[in-house]
C-alpha atoms as a PDB file:
ATOM      1  CA  MET A   1      15.930 -19.160 -10.950  1.00  0.00           C
ATOM      2  CA  ASN A   2      13.264 -16.971 -12.523  1.00  0.00           C
ATOM      3  CA  ASN A   3      10.518 -19.402 -11.416  1.00  0.00           C
ATOM      4  CA  LEU A   4      11.871 -19.409  -7.881  1.00  0.00           C
ATOM      5  CA  LEU A   5      11.699 -15.622  -7.782  1.00  0.00           C
ATOM      6  CA  LEU A   6       8.118 -15.621  -9.107  1.00  0.00           C
ATOM      7  CA  VAL A   7       6.984 -18.167  -6.507  1.00  0.00           C
ATOM      8  CA  PHE A   8       8.789 -16.172  -3.795  1.00  0.00           C
ATOM      9  CA  LEU A   9       7.177 -12.908  -4.880  1.00  0.00           C
ATOM     10  CA  GLY A  10       3.668 -14.369  -5.256  1.00  0.00           C
ATOM     11  CA  GLY A  11       3.936 -16.296  -1.984  1.00  0.00           C
ATOM     12  CA  GLY A  12       5.091 -13.218  -0.110  1.00  0.00           C
ATOM     13  CA  ILE A  13       2.218 -11.127  -1.430  1.00  0.00           C
ATOM     14  CA  GLY A  14      -0.264 -13.923  -0.637  1.00  0.00           C
ATOM     15  CA  SER A  15       1.073 -14.246   2.907  1.00  0.00           C
ATOM     16  CA  VAL A  16       0.781 -10.517   3.515  1.00  0.00           C
ATOM     17  CA  VAL A  17      -2.816 -10.523   2.237  1.00  0.00           C
ATOM     18  CA  ARG A  18      -3.604 -13.477   4.519  1.00  0.00           C
ATOM     19  CA  PHE A  19      -2.079 -11.600   7.473  1.00  0.00           C
ATOM     20  CA  GLY A  20      -4.223  -8.559   6.622  1.00  0.00           C
ATOM     21  CA  ILE A  21      -7.377 -10.657   6.611  1.00  0.00           C
ATOM     22  CA  SER A  22      -6.393 -12.191   9.944  1.00  0.00           C
ATOM     23  CA  GLU A  23      -5.820  -8.779  11.519  1.00  0.00           C
ATOM     24  CA  PHE A  24      -9.112  -7.445  10.123  1.00  0.00           C
ATOM     25  CA  VAL A  25     -11.076 -10.412  11.459  1.00  0.00           C
ATOM     26  CA  LYS A  26      -9.381 -10.250  14.891  1.00  0.00           C
ATOM     27  CA  SER A  27     -10.285  -6.603  15.291  1.00  0.00           C
ATOM     28  CA  ASN A  28     -13.869  -6.901  14.015  1.00  0.00           C
ATOM     29  CA  PHE A  29     -15.193 -10.349  15.000  1.00  0.00           C
ATOM     30  CA  LYS A  30     -15.245 -12.358  18.189  1.00  0.00           C
ATOM     31  CA  SER A  31     -15.797 -16.054  17.527  1.00  0.00           C
ATOM     32  CA  ILE A  32     -14.245 -19.417  18.321  1.00  0.00           C
ATOM     33  CA  PHE A  33     -14.813 -20.371  14.678  1.00  0.00           C
ATOM     34  CA  PRO A  34     -11.615 -19.699  12.659  1.00  0.00           C
ATOM     35  CA  ILE A  35     -13.178 -17.119  10.329  1.00  0.00           C
ATOM     36  CA  ALA A  36      -9.899 -15.596   9.116  1.00  0.00           C
ATOM     37  CA  THR A  37      -8.490 -18.925   7.960  1.00  0.00           C
ATOM     38  CA  LEU A  38     -11.743 -19.857   6.274  1.00  0.00           C
ATOM     39  CA  LEU A  39     -11.893 -16.502   4.474  1.00  0.00           C
ATOM     40  CA  SER A  40      -8.277 -16.749   3.351  1.00  0.00           C
ATOM     41  CA  ASN A  41      -8.805 -20.242   1.998  1.00  0.00           C
ATOM     42  CA  VAL A  42     -12.099 -19.330   0.304  1.00  0.00           C
ATOM     43  CA  PHE A  43     -10.644 -16.214  -1.363  1.00  0.00           C
ATOM     44  CA  SER A  44      -7.566 -18.167  -2.421  1.00  0.00           C
ATOM     45  CA  CYS A  45      -9.743 -20.855  -3.998  1.00  0.00           C
ATOM     46  CA  ILE A  46     -11.777 -18.218  -5.822  1.00  0.00           C
ATOM     47  CA  ILE A  47      -8.600 -16.640  -7.208  1.00  0.00           C
ATOM     48  CA  LEU A  48      -7.242 -20.069  -8.148  1.00  0.00           C
ATOM     49  CA  ALA A  49     -10.456 -21.043  -9.943  1.00  0.00           C
ATOM     50  CA  LEU A  50     -10.680 -17.707 -11.753  1.00  0.00           C
ATOM     51  CA  ALA A  51      -7.039 -17.979 -12.809  1.00  0.00           C
ATOM     52  CA  ILE A  52      -7.631 -21.472 -14.133  1.00  0.00           C
ATOM     53  CA  GLY A  53     -10.878 -20.457 -15.833  1.00  0.00           C
ATOM     54  CA  PHE A  54      -9.879 -17.109 -17.303  1.00  0.00           C
ATOM     55  CA  PHE A  55      -6.212 -17.715 -17.942  1.00  0.00           C
ATOM     56  CA  ALA A  56      -6.124 -21.430 -18.767  1.00  0.00           C
ATOM     57  CA  GLU A  57      -4.527 -20.908 -22.176  1.00  0.00           C
ATOM     58  CA  LYS A  58      -2.173 -18.184 -20.939  1.00  0.00           C
ATOM     59  CA  ILE A  59      -1.079 -20.253 -17.943  1.00  0.00           C
ATOM     60  CA  THR A  60      -0.395 -23.237 -20.185  1.00  0.00           C
ATOM     61  CA  ALA A  61       1.524 -21.072 -22.659  1.00  0.00           C
ATOM     62  CA  ASN A  62       3.298 -19.022 -19.976  1.00  0.00           C
ATOM     63  CA  PRO A  63       4.401 -21.060 -16.956  1.00  0.00           C
ATOM     64  CA  SER A  64       5.534 -17.840 -15.252  1.00  0.00           C
ATOM     65  CA  LEU A  65       1.891 -16.906 -14.614  1.00  0.00           C
ATOM     66  CA  LYS A  66       1.329 -20.290 -12.996  1.00  0.00           C
ATOM     67  CA  MET A  67       4.395 -19.801 -10.803  1.00  0.00           C
ATOM     68  CA  LEU A  68       3.333 -16.294  -9.744  1.00  0.00           C
ATOM     69  CA  ILE A  69      -0.439 -16.699  -9.291  1.00  0.00           C
ATOM     70  CA  ILE A  70      -1.268 -20.346  -8.643  1.00  0.00           C
ATOM     71  CA  ILE A  71       1.810 -21.705  -6.904  1.00  0.00           C
ATOM     72  CA  GLY A  72       3.079 -18.450  -5.365  1.00  0.00           C
ATOM     73  CA  PHE A  73       0.134 -16.214  -4.505  1.00  0.00           C
ATOM     74  CA  CYS A  74      -2.508 -18.872  -3.868  1.00  0.00           C
ATOM     75  CA  GLY A  75       0.017 -21.054  -2.037  1.00  0.00           C
ATOM     76  CA  GLY A  76       0.985 -18.167   0.230  1.00  0.00           C
ATOM     77  CA  PHE A  77      -2.578 -16.954   0.657  1.00  0.00           C
ATOM     78  CA  SER A  78      -4.222 -20.265   1.521  1.00  0.00           C
ATOM     79  CA  THR A  79      -3.243 -22.098   4.647  1.00  0.00           C
ATOM     80  CA  PHE A  80      -3.900 -25.779   5.197  1.00  0.00           C
ATOM     81  CA  SER A  81      -1.504 -25.997   8.120  1.00  0.00           C
ATOM     82  CA  THR A  82      -3.288 -23.231  10.043  1.00  0.00           C
ATOM     83  CA  PHE A  83      -6.657 -24.799   9.207  1.00  0.00           C
ATOM     84  CA  SER A  84      -5.393 -28.120  10.589  1.00  0.00           C
ATOM     85  CA  TYR A  85      -3.919 -26.560  13.731  1.00  0.00           C
ATOM     86  CA  GLU A  86      -7.044 -24.528  14.507  1.00  0.00           C
ATOM     87  CA  THR A  87      -9.229 -27.584  13.983  1.00  0.00           C
ATOM     88  CA  VAL A  88      -7.113 -29.665  16.368  1.00  0.00           C
ATOM     89  CA  GLU A  89      -7.166 -26.852  18.949  1.00  0.00           C
ATOM     90  CA  LEU A  90     -10.962 -26.697  18.701  1.00  0.00           C
ATOM     91  CA  MET A  91     -11.095 -30.446  19.356  1.00  0.00           C
ATOM     92  CA  ARG A  92      -8.669 -30.214  22.286  1.00  0.00           C
ATOM     93  CA  SER A  93     -10.666 -27.408  23.877  1.00  0.00           C
ATOM     94  CA  GLY A  94     -13.863 -29.453  23.745  1.00  0.00           C
ATOM     95  CA  ASN A  95     -15.438 -27.703  20.760  1.00  0.00           C
ATOM     96  CA  LEU A  96     -15.870 -30.865  18.705  1.00  0.00           C
ATOM     97  CA  ILE A  97     -19.002 -29.650  16.894  1.00  0.00           C
ATOM     98  CA  VAL A  98     -17.277 -26.422  15.837  1.00  0.00           C
ATOM     99  CA  ALA A  99     -14.221 -28.421  14.707  1.00  0.00           C
ATOM    100  CA  ILE A 100     -16.367 -30.726  12.589  1.00  0.00           C
ATOM    101  CA  ALA A 101     -18.255 -27.736  11.181  1.00  0.00           C
ATOM    102  CA  ASN A 102     -14.917 -26.110  10.307  1.00  0.00           C
ATOM    103  CA  ILE A 103     -13.819 -29.222   8.415  1.00  0.00           C
ATOM    104  CA  LEU A 104     -17.109 -29.640   6.574  1.00  0.00           C
ATOM    105  CA  VAL A 105     -17.550 -25.975   5.671  1.00  0.00           C
ATOM    106  CA  SER A 106     -13.936 -25.458   4.644  1.00  0.00           C
ATOM    107  CA  VAL A 107     -13.680 -28.534   2.455  1.00  0.00           C
ATOM    108  CA  ALA A 108     -17.141 -28.268   0.917  1.00  0.00           C
ATOM    109  CA  VAL A 109     -16.910 -24.553   0.150  1.00  0.00           C
ATOM    110  CA  CYS A 110     -13.308 -24.503  -1.081  1.00  0.00           C
ATOM    111  CA  VAL A 111     -13.473 -27.636  -3.210  1.00  0.00           C
ATOM    112  CA  GLY A 112     -16.911 -26.623  -4.470  1.00  0.00           C
ATOM    113  CA  LEU A 113     -15.692 -23.165  -5.465  1.00  0.00           C
ATOM    114  CA  VAL A 114     -12.722 -24.493  -7.398  1.00  0.00           C
ATOM    115  CA  TYR A 115     -14.845 -27.144  -9.091  1.00  0.00           C
ATOM    116  CA  PHE A 116     -17.760 -24.964 -10.082  1.00  0.00           C
ATOM    117  CA  LEU A 117     -15.956 -21.708 -10.854  1.00  0.00           C
ATOM    118  CA  SER A 118     -13.196 -23.286 -12.925  1.00  0.00           C
ATOM    119  CA  LYS A 119     -15.768 -25.379 -14.792  1.00  0.00           C
ATOM    120  CA  GLN A 120     -18.077 -22.451 -15.561  1.00  0.00           C
ATOM    121  CA  LEU A 121     -15.463 -20.120 -17.029  1.00  0.00           C
END
């Protein structure tokens, strides 16, 4: 039950942070490119990689940190479903090049960040 509460708490905080980024981007940028989703996923991957790199021993020794930060917060903060939906909507609206760019940038940057940051720490 404790793990469930930690995932719930971390996921809720991550979702609220993602919502804040979305609102900030909507009020400050006008673009068909899904900037808010990309930023949320990039920041989530940075936090995930830093948590793995800095807290690897602590996360292994204390599964509660993993539940709170990695599964909860990063799971609530990142958003693959929104990324997928926005990409499909770009395709349906005839913005195929932007959709492909979204896929390439999102995957390359996010996977690259987790790989390189977690490896370097």
